[in-house]
PDB file of N, CA and C in Angstrom:
ATOM      1  N   UNK A   1     134.979 256.044 225.021  1.00  0.00           N
ATOM      2  CA  UNK A   1     133.630 255.522 225.066  1.00  0.00           C
ATOM      3  C   UNK A   1     133.411 254.239 224.364  1.00  0.00           C
ATOM      4  N   UNK A   2     133.790 254.088 223.074  1.00  0.00           N
ATOM      5  CA  UNK A   2     133.743 252.709 222.403  1.00  0.00           C
ATOM      6  C   UNK A   2     134.361 251.649 223.159  1.00  0.00           C
ATOM      7  N   UNK A   3     135.455 251.886 223.790  1.00  0.00           N
ATOM      8  CA  UNK A   3     136.126 250.833 224.541  1.00  0.00           C
ATOM      9  C   UNK A   3     135.405 250.392 225.736  1.00  0.00           C
ATOM     10  N   UNK A   4     134.650 251.309 226.398  1.00  0.00           N
ATOM     11  CA  UNK A   4     133.647 250.924 227.403  1.00  0.00           C
ATOM     12  C   UNK A   4     132.588 249.983 226.857  1.00  0.00           C
ATOM     13  N   UNK A   5     132.031 250.466 226.000  1.00  0.00           N
ATOM     14  CA  UNK A   5     130.899 249.747 225.235  1.00  0.00           C
ATOM     15  C   UNK A   5     131.254 248.447 224.772  1.00  0.00           C
ATOM     16  N   UNK A   6     132.501 248.115 224.210  1.00  0.00           N
ATOM     17  CA  UNK A   6     133.049 246.870 223.633  1.00  0.00           C
ATOM     18  C   UNK A   6     133.461 246.052 225.013  1.00  0.00           C
ATOM     19  N   UNK A   7     133.865 246.757 225.933  1.00  0.00           N
ATOM     20  CA  UNK A   7     134.070 245.976 227.221  1.00  0.00           C
ATOM     21  C   UNK A   7     132.731 245.443 227.853  1.00  0.00           C
ATOM     22  N   UNK A   8     131.689 246.202 227.814  1.00  0.00           N
ATOM     23  CA  UNK A   8     130.465 245.784 228.372  1.00  0.00           C
ATOM     24  C   UNK A   8     129.849 244.579 227.609  1.00  0.00           C
ATOM     25  N   UNK A   9     130.146 244.618 226.333  1.00  0.00           N
ATOM     26  CA  UNK A   9     129.406 243.485 225.326  1.00  0.00           C
ATOM     27  C   UNK A   9     130.281 242.264 225.807  1.00  0.00           C
ATOM     28  N   UNK A  10     131.583 242.301 225.746  1.00  0.00           N
ATOM     29  CA  UNK A  10     132.641 241.353 226.049  1.00  0.00           C
ATOM     30  C   UNK A  10     132.184 240.715 227.455  1.00  0.00           C
ATOM     31  N   UNK A  11     132.045 241.665 228.420  1.00  0.00           N
ATOM     32  CA  UNK A  11     131.970 241.121 229.858  1.00  0.00           C
ATOM     33  C   UNK A  11     130.511 240.349 229.930  1.00  0.00           C
ATOM     34  N   UNK A  12     129.662 240.925 229.182  1.00  0.00           N
ATOM     35  CA  UNK A  12     128.225 240.087 228.940  1.00  0.00           C
ATOM     36  C   UNK A  12     128.401 238.862 228.377  1.00  0.00           C
ATOM     37  N   UNK A  13     128.957 238.634 227.315  1.00  0.00           N
ATOM     38  CA  UNK A  13     129.268 237.494 226.802  1.00  0.00           C
ATOM     39  C   UNK A  13     129.981 236.524 227.701  1.00  0.00           C
ATOM     40  N   UNK A  14     130.952 236.916 228.456  1.00  0.00           N
ATOM     41  CA  UNK A  14     131.727 236.152 229.340  1.00  0.00           C
ATOM     42  C   UNK A  14     130.946 235.435 230.416  1.00  0.00           C
ATOM     43  N   UNK A  15     130.024 236.466 230.905  1.00  0.00           N
ATOM     44  CA  UNK A  15     129.067 235.986 231.886  1.00  0.00           C
ATOM     45  C   UNK A  15     128.016 234.973 231.396  1.00  0.00           C
ATOM     46  N   UNK A  16     127.501 235.313 230.078  1.00  0.00           N
ATOM     47  CA  UNK A  16     126.449 234.189 229.581  1.00  0.00           C
ATOM     48  C   UNK A  16     127.382 233.018 229.375  1.00  0.00           C
ATOM     49  N   UNK A  17     128.648 232.985 228.995  1.00  0.00           N
ATOM     50  CA  UNK A  17     129.405 231.452 228.763  1.00  0.00           C
ATOM     51  C   UNK A  17     129.515 230.886 230.202  1.00  0.00           C
ATOM     52  N   UNK A  18     130.126 231.778 231.088  1.00  0.00           N
ATOM     53  CA  UNK A  18     130.201 231.026 232.529  1.00  0.00           C
ATOM     54  C   UNK A  18     128.997 230.437 232.909  1.00  0.00           C
ATOM     55  N   UNK A  19     127.993 231.284 232.768  1.00  0.00           N
ATOM     56  CA  UNK A  19     126.603 230.652 233.286  1.00  0.00           C
ATOM     57  C   UNK A  19     126.230 229.476 232.783  1.00  0.00           C
ATOM     58  N   UNK A  20     126.215 229.642 231.395  1.00  0.00           N
ATOM     59  CA  UNK A  20     125.595 228.247 230.659  1.00  0.00           C
ATOM     60  C   UNK A  20     126.449 227.028 230.683  1.00  0.00           C
ATOM     61  N   UNK A  21     127.891 227.247 230.871  1.00  0.00           N
ATOM     62  CA  UNK A  21     128.611 226.212 230.970  1.00  0.00           C
ATOM     63  C   UNK A  21     129.063 225.573 232.362  1.00  0.00           C
ATOM     64  N   UNK A  22     128.561 226.275 233.441  1.00  0.00           N
ATOM     65  CA  UNK A  22     128.818 225.956 234.779  1.00  0.00           C
ATOM     66  C   UNK A  22     127.506 225.711 235.552  1.00  0.00           C
ATOM     67  N   UNK A  23     126.821 226.542 235.501  1.00  0.00           N
ATOM     68  CA  UNK A  23     125.619 226.317 236.499  1.00  0.00           C
ATOM     69  C   UNK A  23     124.647 225.214 236.199  1.00  0.00           C
ATOM     70  N   UNK A  24     124.199 225.140 234.895  1.00  0.00           N
ATOM     71  CA  UNK A  24     123.123 224.046 234.610  1.00  0.00           C
ATOM     72  C   UNK A  24     123.633 222.634 234.945  1.00  0.00           C
ATOM     73  N   UNK A  25     124.938 222.526 234.925  1.00  0.00           N
ATOM     74  CA  UNK A  25     125.506 221.217 235.156  1.00  0.00           C
ATOM     75  C   UNK A  25     125.785 220.935 236.733  1.00  0.00           C
ATOM     76  N   UNK A  26     125.725 222.012 237.553  1.00  0.00           N
ATOM     77  CA  UNK A  26     126.100 222.012 238.885  1.00  0.00           C
ATOM     78  C   UNK A  26     124.911 222.015 239.709  1.00  0.00           C
ATOM     79  N   UNK A  27     123.897 222.969 239.278  1.00  0.00           N
ATOM     80  CA  UNK A  27     122.718 223.019 240.084  1.00  0.00           C
ATOM     81  C   UNK A  27     121.553 222.383 239.235  1.00  0.00           C
ATOM     82  N   UNK A  28     120.710 221.714 239.802  1.00  0.00           N
ATOM     83  CA  UNK A  28     119.590 221.069 239.226  1.00  0.00           C
ATOM     84  C   UNK A  28     118.434 222.407 239.250  1.00  0.00           C
ATOM     85  N   UNK A  29     117.826 222.452 237.948  1.00  0.00           N
ATOM     86  CA  UNK A  29     116.821 223.341 237.644  1.00  0.00           C
ATOM     87  C   UNK A  29     117.380 224.550 237.167  1.00  0.00           C
ATOM     88  N   UNK A  30     118.416 224.779 237.066  1.00  0.00           N
ATOM     89  CA  UNK A  30     119.034 226.031 236.428  1.00  0.00           C
ATOM     90  C   UNK A  30     119.134 225.879 234.926  1.00  0.00           C
ATOM     91  N   UNK A  31     118.657 226.702 234.247  1.00  0.00           N
ATOM     92  CA  UNK A  31     118.719 226.582 232.742  1.00  0.00           C
ATOM     93  C   UNK A  31     119.580 227.665 232.044  1.00  0.00           C
ATOM     94  N   UNK A  32     120.007 227.439 230.893  1.00  0.00           N
ATOM     95  CA  UNK A  32     120.885 228.398 229.884  1.00  0.00           C
ATOM     96  C   UNK A  32     120.003 229.705 229.870  1.00  0.00           C
ATOM     97  N   UNK A  33     121.060 230.717 229.768  1.00  0.00           N
ATOM     98  CA  UNK A  33     120.458 231.995 229.718  1.00  0.00           C
ATOM     99  C   UNK A  33     120.810 232.652 228.192  1.00  0.00           C
ATOM    100  N   UNK A  34     120.157 233.722 227.835  1.00  0.00           N
ATOM    101  CA  UNK A  34     120.492 234.387 226.661  1.00  0.00           C
ATOM    102  C   UNK A  34     121.393 235.261 226.759  1.00  0.00           C
ATOM    103  N   UNK A  35     121.810 235.860 225.782  1.00  0.00           N
ATOM    104  CA  UNK A  35     122.711 237.015 225.804  1.00  0.00           C
ATOM    105  C   UNK A  35     122.246 238.124 226.632  1.00  0.00           C
ATOM    106  N   UNK A  36     121.043 238.675 226.395  1.00  0.00           N
ATOM    107  CA  UNK A  36     120.345 239.731 227.013  1.00  0.00           C
ATOM    108  C   UNK A  36     119.898 239.464 228.552  1.00  0.00           C
ATOM    109  N   UNK A  37     119.679 238.118 228.551  1.00  0.00           N
ATOM    110  CA  UNK A  37     119.500 237.767 230.265  1.00  0.00           C
ATOM    111  C   UNK A  37     120.736 238.046 231.005  1.00  0.00           C
ATOM    112  N   UNK A  38     121.860 237.638 230.274  1.00  0.00           N
ATOM    113  CA  UNK A  38     123.212 237.762 230.860  1.00  0.00           C
ATOM    114  C   UNK A  38     123.441 239.349 231.146  1.00  0.00           C
ATOM    115  N   UNK A  39     122.949 240.101 230.262  1.00  0.00           N
ATOM    116  CA  UNK A  39     123.240 241.688 230.476  1.00  0.00           C
ATOM    117  C   UNK A  39     122.317 242.080 231.559  1.00  0.00           C
ATOM    118  N   UNK A  40     121.186 241.644 231.644  1.00  0.00           N
ATOM    119  CA  UNK A  40     120.345 241.742 232.669  1.00  0.00           C
ATOM    120  C   UNK A  40     120.945 241.308 234.125  1.00  0.00           C
ATOM    121  N   UNK A  41     121.506 240.227 234.118  1.00  0.00           N
ATOM    122  CA  UNK A  41     122.093 239.868 235.674  1.00  0.00           C
ATOM    123  C   UNK A  41     123.302 240.769 235.764  1.00  0.00           C
ATOM    124  N   UNK A  42     123.974 241.211 234.757  1.00  0.00           N
ATOM    125  CA  UNK A  42     125.117 241.999 235.020  1.00  0.00           C
ATOM    126  C   UNK A  42     124.652 243.551 235.665  1.00  0.00           C
ATOM    127  N   UNK A  43     123.739 244.152 234.927  1.00  0.00           N
ATOM    128  CA  UNK A  43     123.130 245.378 235.389  1.00  0.00           C
ATOM    129  C   UNK A  43     122.508 245.049 236.800  1.00  0.00           C
ATOM    130  N   UNK A  44     121.773 244.149 237.115  1.00  0.00           N
ATOM    131  CA  UNK A  44     121.347 243.972 238.445  1.00  0.00           C
ATOM    132  C   UNK A  44     122.388 243.806 239.557  1.00  0.00           C
ATOM    133  N   UNK A  45     123.352 243.007 239.066  1.00  0.00           N
ATOM    134  CA  UNK A  45     124.466 242.846 240.109  1.00  0.00           C
ATOM    135  C   UNK A  45     125.112 244.193 240.340  1.00  0.00           C
ATOM    136  N   UNK A  46     125.273 244.971 239.330  1.00  0.00           N
ATOM    137  CA  UNK A  46     125.714 246.452 239.497  1.00  0.00           C
ATOM    138  C   UNK A  46     125.048 247.268 240.269  1.00  0.00           C
ATOM    139  N   UNK A  47     123.598 247.240 240.126  1.00  0.00           N
ATOM    140  CA  UNK A  47     122.779 247.906 241.146  1.00  0.00           C
ATOM    141  C   UNK A  47     122.806 247.305 242.644  1.00  0.00           C
ATOM    142  N   UNK A  48     122.726 246.066 242.793  1.00  0.00           N
ATOM    143  CA  UNK A  48     122.796 245.485 244.175  1.00  0.00           C
ATOM    144  C   UNK A  48     123.904 245.747 244.724  1.00  0.00           C
ATOM    145  N   UNK A  49     125.100 245.402 244.054  1.00  0.00           N
ATOM    146  CA  UNK A  49     126.538 245.239 244.824  1.00  0.00           C
ATOM    147  C   UNK A  49     127.382 246.360 244.451  1.00  0.00           C
ATOM    148  N   UNK A  50     127.158 246.993 243.378  1.00  0.00           N
ATOM    149  CA  UNK A  50     128.255 247.920 243.000  1.00  0.00           C
ATOM    150  C   UNK A  50     129.418 247.548 242.496  1.00  0.00           C
ATOM    151  N   UNK A  51     130.559 248.164 242.423  1.00  0.00           N
ATOM    152  CA  UNK A  51     131.490 247.463 241.849  1.00  0.00           C
ATOM    153  C   UNK A  51     131.843 247.711 240.310  1.00  0.00           C
ATOM    154  N   UNK A  52     132.819 246.925 239.848  1.00  0.00           N
ATOM    155  CA  UNK A  52     133.201 247.011 238.365  1.00  0.00           C
ATOM    156  C   UNK A  52     134.172 248.174 237.929  1.00  0.00           C
ATOM    157  N   UNK A  53     134.882 248.790 239.058  1.00  0.00           N
ATOM    158  CA  UNK A  53     135.823 249.645 238.694  1.00  0.00           C
ATOM    159  C   UNK A  53     136.097 250.558 239.928  1.00  0.00           C
ATOM    160  N   UNK A  54     136.833 251.707 239.618  1.00  0.00           N
ATOM    161  CA  UNK A  54     137.385 252.707 240.579  1.00  0.00           C
ATOM    162  C   UNK A  54     136.484 253.614 240.949  1.00  0.00           C
ATOM    163  N   UNK A  55     135.252 253.577 240.618  1.00  0.00           N
ATOM    164  CA  UNK A  55     134.256 254.853 240.675  1.00  0.00           C
ATOM    165  C   UNK A  55     133.728 255.104 241.983  1.00  0.00           C
ATOM    166  N   UNK A  56     134.257 254.356 242.990  1.00  0.00           N
ATOM    167  CA  UNK A  56     133.743 254.435 244.284  1.00  0.00           C
ATOM    168  C   UNK A  56     134.262 255.814 244.982  1.00  0.00           C
ATOM    169  N   UNK A  57     133.226 256.659 245.255  1.00  0.00           N
ATOM    170  CA  UNK A  57     133.749 257.897 245.871  1.00  0.00           C
ATOM    171  C   UNK A  57     133.490 257.976 247.238  1.00  0.00           C
ATOM    172  N   UNK A  58     132.931 257.068 247.909  1.00  0.00           N
ATOM    173  CA  UNK A  58     132.548 257.283 249.349  1.00  0.00           C
ATOM    174  C   UNK A  58     132.748 255.812 249.904  1.00  0.00           C
ATOM    175  N   UNK A  59     132.521 255.826 251.388  1.00  0.00           N
ATOM    176  CA  UNK A  59     132.625 254.683 252.004  1.00  0.00           C
ATOM    177  C   UNK A  59     133.958 254.300 252.341  1.00  0.00           C
ATOM    178  N   UNK A  60     133.921 253.203 253.107  1.00  0.00           N
ATOM    179  CA  UNK A  60     135.333 252.559 253.274  1.00  0.00           C
ATOM    180  C   UNK A  60     136.087 251.964 252.197  1.00  0.00           C
ATOM    181  N   UNK A  61     135.578 252.008 251.092  1.00  0.00           N
ATOM    182  CA  UNK A  61     136.312 251.488 249.784  1.00  0.00           C
ATOM    183  C   UNK A  61     137.479 252.646 249.488  1.00  0.00           C
ATOM    184  N   UNK A  62     137.269 253.536 249.858  1.00  0.00           N
ATOM    185  CA  UNK A  62     138.165 254.599 249.420  1.00  0.00           C
ATOM    186  C   UNK A  62     139.529 254.627 250.223  1.00  0.00           C
ATOM    187  N   UNK A  63     140.429 254.397 249.259  1.00  0.00           N
ATOM    188  CA  UNK A  63     141.802 254.094 249.928  1.00  0.00           C
ATOM    189  C   UNK A  63     142.312 255.211 250.831  1.00  0.00           C
ATOM    190  N   UNK A  64     142.160 256.626 250.439  1.00  0.00           N
ATOM    191  CA  UNK A  64     142.464 257.658 251.210  1.00  0.00           C
ATOM    192  C   UNK A  64     141.883 257.678 252.527  1.00  0.00           C
ATOM    193  N   UNK A  65     140.543 257.146 252.654  1.00  0.00           N
ATOM    194  CA  UNK A  65     140.080 257.026 254.051  1.00  0.00           C
ATOM    195  C   UNK A  65     140.568 256.152 254.935  1.00  0.00           C
ATOM    196  N   UNK A  66     141.083 254.972 254.244  1.00  0.00           N
ATOM    197  CA  UNK A  66     141.758 253.910 255.122  1.00  0.00           C
ATOM    198  C   UNK A  66     143.254 254.428 255.600  1.00  0.00           C
ATOM    199  N   UNK A  67     143.775 255.088 254.705  1.00  0.00           N
ATOM    200  CA  UNK A  67     145.076 255.721 255.039  1.00  0.00           C
ATOM    201  C   UNK A  67     144.917 256.715 256.226  1.00  0.00           C
ATOM    202  N   UNK A  68     144.084 257.338 256.000  1.00  0.00           N
ATOM    203  CA  UNK A  68     143.710 258.499 257.049  1.00  0.00           C
ATOM    204  C   UNK A  68     143.471 257.810 258.415  1.00  0.00           C
ATOM    205  N   UNK A  69     142.650 256.934 258.379  1.00  0.00           N
ATOM    206  CA  UNK A  69     142.412 256.230 259.556  1.00  0.00           C
ATOM    207  C   UNK A  69     143.648 255.493 260.182  1.00  0.00           C
ATOM    208  N   UNK A  70     144.482 255.047 259.461  1.00  0.00           N
ATOM    209  CA  UNK A  70     145.629 254.147 259.882  1.00  0.00           C
ATOM    210  C   UNK A  70     146.618 255.344 260.491  1.00  0.00           C
ATOM    211  N   UNK A  71     146.753 256.259 259.640  1.00  0.00           N
ATOM    212  CA  UNK A  71     147.585 257.549 260.263  1.00  0.00           C
ATOM    213  C   UNK A  71     146.993 257.956 261.842  1.00  0.00           C
ATOM    214  N   UNK A  72     145.657 258.215 261.866  1.00  0.00           N
ATOM    215  CA  UNK A  72     145.165 258.610 263.061  1.00  0.00           C
ATOM    216  C   UNK A  72     145.439 257.582 264.206  1.00  0.00           C
ATOM    217  N   UNK A  73     145.308 256.297 263.858  1.00  0.00           N
ATOM    218  CA  UNK A  73     145.270 255.189 264.865  1.00  0.00           C
ATOM    219  C   UNK A  73     146.646 254.972 265.250  1.00  0.00           C
ATOM    220  N   UNK A  74     147.682 255.278 264.451  1.00  0.00           N
ATOM    221  CA  UNK A  74     149.343 254.995 264.731  1.00  0.00           C
ATOM    222  C   UNK A  74     149.803 256.167 265.579  1.00  0.00           C
ATOM    223  N   UNK A  75     148.990 257.234 265.440  1.00  0.00           N
ATOM    224  CA  UNK A  75     149.600 258.599 266.345  1.00  0.00           C
ATOM    225  C   UNK A  75     148.815 258.339 267.718  1.00  0.00           C
ATOM    226  N   UNK A  76     148.089 257.405 268.026  1.00  0.00           N
ATOM    227  CA  UNK A  76     147.522 257.328 269.258  1.00  0.00           C
ATOM    228  C   UNK A  76     148.438 256.450 270.462  1.00  0.00           C
ATOM    229  N   UNK A  77     148.382 257.083 271.379  1.00  0.00           N
ATOM    230  CA  UNK A  77     148.845 256.369 272.584  1.00  0.00           C
ATOM    231  C   UNK A  77     148.330 254.824 272.899  1.00  0.00           C
ATOM    232  N   UNK A  78     148.985 253.789 273.486  1.00  0.00           N
ATOM    233  CA  UNK A  78     148.277 252.682 273.766  1.00  0.00           C
ATOM    234  C   UNK A  78     146.956 252.671 274.558  1.00  0.00           C
ATOM    235  N   UNK A  79     147.017 253.836 275.539  1.00  0.00           N
ATOM    236  CA  UNK A  79     145.587 254.149 276.354  1.00  0.00           C
ATOM    237  C   UNK A  79     144.667 254.558 275.372  1.00  0.00           C
ATOM    238  N   UNK A  80     145.161 255.423 274.438  1.00  0.00           N
ATOM    239  CA  UNK A  80     144.079 255.918 273.613  1.00  0.00           C
ATOM    240  C   UNK A  80     143.214 255.054 272.513  1.00  0.00           C
ATOM    241  N   UNK A  81     144.298 253.956 272.215  1.00  0.00           N
ATOM    242  CA  UNK A  81     143.941 252.916 271.202  1.00  0.00           C
ATOM    243  C   UNK A  81     142.850 252.182 272.159  1.00  0.00           C
ATOM    244  N   UNK A  82     143.142 251.608 273.262  1.00  0.00           N
ATOM    245  CA  UNK A  82     142.346 250.796 274.295  1.00  0.00           C
ATOM    246  C   UNK A  82     140.865 251.656 274.445  1.00  0.00           C
ATOM    247  N   UNK A  83     141.004 252.815 274.644  1.00  0.00           N
ATOM    248  CA  UNK A  83     139.856 253.529 274.831  1.00  0.00           C
ATOM    249  C   UNK A  83     138.852 253.557 273.317  1.00  0.00           C
ATOM    250  N   UNK A  84     139.588 254.022 272.494  1.00  0.00           N
ATOM    251  CA  UNK A  84     138.806 253.821 271.088  1.00  0.00           C
ATOM    252  C   UNK A  84     138.334 252.545 270.792  1.00  0.00           C
ATOM    253  N   UNK A  85     139.043 251.535 270.860  1.00  0.00           N
ATOM    254  CA  UNK A  85     138.444 249.955 270.837  1.00  0.00           C
ATOM    255  C   UNK A  85     137.292 249.757 271.483  1.00  0.00           C
ATOM    256  N   UNK A  86     137.372 250.185 272.815  1.00  0.00           N
ATOM    257  CA  UNK A  86     136.379 249.962 273.596  1.00  0.00           C
ATOM    258  C   UNK A  86     135.140 250.769 273.270  1.00  0.00           C
ATOM    259  N   UNK A  87     135.329 251.948 272.845  1.00  0.00           N
ATOM    260  CA  UNK A  87     134.106 252.782 272.536  1.00  0.00           C
ATOM    261  C   UNK A  87     133.368 252.049 271.304  1.00  0.00           C
ATOM    262  N   UNK A  88     134.255 251.693 270.299  1.00  0.00           N
ATOM    263  CA  UNK A  88     133.666 251.074 269.017  1.00  0.00           C
ATOM    264  C   UNK A  88     133.062 249.609 269.422  1.00  0.00           C
ATOM    265  N   UNK A  89     133.649 248.986 270.194  1.00  0.00           N
ATOM    266  CA  UNK A  89     133.097 247.614 270.606  1.00  0.00           C
ATOM    267  C   UNK A  89     131.765 247.826 271.297  1.00  0.00           C
ATOM    268  N   UNK A  90     131.636 248.904 272.084  1.00  0.00           N
ATOM    269  CA  UNK A  90     130.575 249.325 272.538  1.00  0.00           C
ATOM    270  C   UNK A  90     129.259 249.899 271.700  1.00  0.00           C
ATOM    271  N   UNK A  91     129.754 250.573 270.646  1.00  0.00           N
ATOM    272  CA  UNK A  91     128.701 251.115 269.666  1.00  0.00           C
ATOM    273  C   UNK A  91     128.287 249.866 268.709  1.00  0.00           C
ATOM    274  N   UNK A  92     129.272 249.216 268.438  1.00  0.00           N
ATOM    275  CA  UNK A  92     128.954 248.145 267.250  1.00  0.00           C
ATOM    276  C   UNK A  92     128.584 246.824 267.972  1.00  0.00           C
ATOM    277  N   UNK A  93     128.966 246.551 269.283  1.00  0.00           N
ATOM    278  CA  UNK A  93     128.151 245.392 269.867  1.00  0.00           C
ATOM    279  C   UNK A  93     129.348 244.137 269.749  1.00  0.00           C
ATOM    280  N   UNK A  94     130.553 244.399 269.570  1.00  0.00           N
ATOM    281  CA  UNK A  94     131.406 243.346 269.457  1.00  0.00           C
ATOM    282  C   UNK A  94     131.379 242.868 268.163  1.00  0.00           C
ATOM    283  N   UNK A  95     131.630 241.315 268.079  1.00  0.00           N
ATOM    284  CA  UNK A  95     131.570 240.599 266.815  1.00  0.00           C
ATOM    285  C   UNK A  95     130.453 240.293 266.218  1.00  0.00           C
ATOM    286  N   UNK A  96     130.294 240.634 264.925  1.00  0.00           N
ATOM    287  CA  UNK A  96     128.957 240.505 263.999  1.00  0.00           C
ATOM    288  C   UNK A  96     127.821 241.244 264.737  1.00  0.00           C
ATOM    289  N   UNK A  97     128.183 242.308 265.380  1.00  0.00           N
ATOM    290  CA  UNK A  97     126.971 242.949 265.721  1.00  0.00           C
ATOM    291  C   UNK A  97     126.057 242.441 266.913  1.00  0.00           C
ATOM    292  N   UNK A  98     126.483 241.386 267.562  1.00  0.00           N
ATOM    293  CA  UNK A  98     125.791 240.921 268.558  1.00  0.00           C
ATOM    294  C   UNK A  98     126.347 241.228 270.062  1.00  0.00           C
ATOM    295  N   UNK A  99     125.627 242.034 270.459  1.00  0.00           N
ATOM    296  CA  UNK A  99     125.970 242.583 271.922  1.00  0.00           C
ATOM    297  C   UNK A  99     125.630 241.623 273.026  1.00  0.00           C
ATOM    298  N   UNK A 100     126.467 241.604 274.050  1.00  0.00           N
ATOM    299  CA  UNK A 100     126.291 240.605 275.110  1.00  0.00           C
ATOM    300  C   UNK A 100     125.274 241.189 275.880  1.00  0.00           C
ATOM    301  N   UNK A 101     124.518 240.189 276.475  1.00  0.00           N
ATOM    302  CA  UNK A 101     123.685 240.731 277.504  1.00  0.00           C
ATOM    303  C   UNK A 101     124.203 241.423 278.605  1.00  0.00           C
ATOM    304  N   UNK A 102     123.566 242.719 278.931  1.00  0.00           N
ATOM    305  CA  UNK A 102     124.119 243.338 280.083  1.00  0.00           C
ATOM    306  C   UNK A 102     123.266 243.049 281.347  1.00  0.00           C
ATOM    307  N   UNK A 103     123.940 242.387 282.205  1.00  0.00           N
ATOM    308  CA  UNK A 103     123.462 241.943 283.461  1.00  0.00           C
ATOM    309  C   UNK A 103     124.245 242.521 284.605  1.00  0.00           C
ATOM    310  N   UNK A 104     123.556 242.749 285.770  1.00  0.00           N
ATOM    311  CA  UNK A 104     124.100 243.470 286.842  1.00  0.00           C
ATOM    312  C   UNK A 104     124.878 242.275 287.542  1.00  0.00           C
ATOM    313  N   UNK A 105     125.793 242.257 288.317  1.00  0.00           N
ATOM    314  CA  UNK A 105     126.460 241.277 289.113  1.00  0.00           C
ATOM    315  C   UNK A 105     125.641 241.057 290.377  1.00  0.00           C
ATOM    316  N   UNK A 106     125.561 239.629 290.595  1.00  0.00           N
ATOM    317  CA  UNK A 106     124.900 239.243 291.688  1.00  0.00           C
ATOM    318  C   UNK A 106     125.341 239.939 292.983  1.00  0.00           C
ATOM    319  N   UNK A 107     124.403 240.368 293.865  1.00  0.00           N
ATOM    320  CA  UNK A 107     124.885 240.959 295.116  1.00  0.00           C
ATOM    321  C   UNK A 107     124.604 240.212 296.429  1.00  0.00           C
ATOM    322  N   UNK A 108     124.021 238.981 296.223  1.00  0.00           N
ATOM    323  CA  UNK A 108     123.829 237.886 297.252  1.00  0.00           C
ATOM    324  C   UNK A 108     124.647 236.759 297.474  1.00  0.00           C
ATOM    325  N   UNK A 109     126.033 236.961 297.020  1.00  0.00           N
ATOM    326  CA  UNK A 109     126.753 235.824 296.905  1.00  0.00           C
ATOM    327  C   UNK A 109     127.386 235.640 298.252  1.00  0.00           C
ATOM    328  N   UNK A 110     127.455 234.502 298.978  1.00  0.00           N
ATOM    329  CA  UNK A 110     128.180 234.327 300.291  1.00  0.00           C
ATOM    330  C   UNK A 110     129.336 233.194 299.930  1.00  0.00           C
ATOM    331  N   UNK A 111     130.544 233.529 300.525  1.00  0.00           N
ATOM    332  CA  UNK A 111     131.688 232.670 300.271  1.00  0.00           C
ATOM    333  C   UNK A 111     131.643 231.949 301.686  1.00  0.00           C
ATOM    334  N   UNK A 112     131.790 230.683 301.581  1.00  0.00           N
ATOM    335  CA  UNK A 112     132.140 229.593 302.847  1.00  0.00           C
ATOM    336  C   UNK A 112     133.480 229.032 302.596  1.00  0.00           C
TER     337      UNK A 112
END
């Protein structure tokens, strides 16, 4: 526990140094921050983004889940893979969640 607390204080100090030595010179209007403001930024980033260690118990960050999915995918036939990909593409809407507009093919086309 003392190592964790020492690491927290050291990491806060590093954030403060980086902020104060980089951002005010690069971005106009950004001011230097105090040690406790740096700690607040550290806590806020932990709340918003998670991270800082291997304490992730769920989601796709868990390596075992990725390995399980890889094994499942490698055991599929090429036809099963294509079906799986098509189902997920339909569910997720392709790239970046944007679904193409579903339109019916025109029925009044004449070829001359």
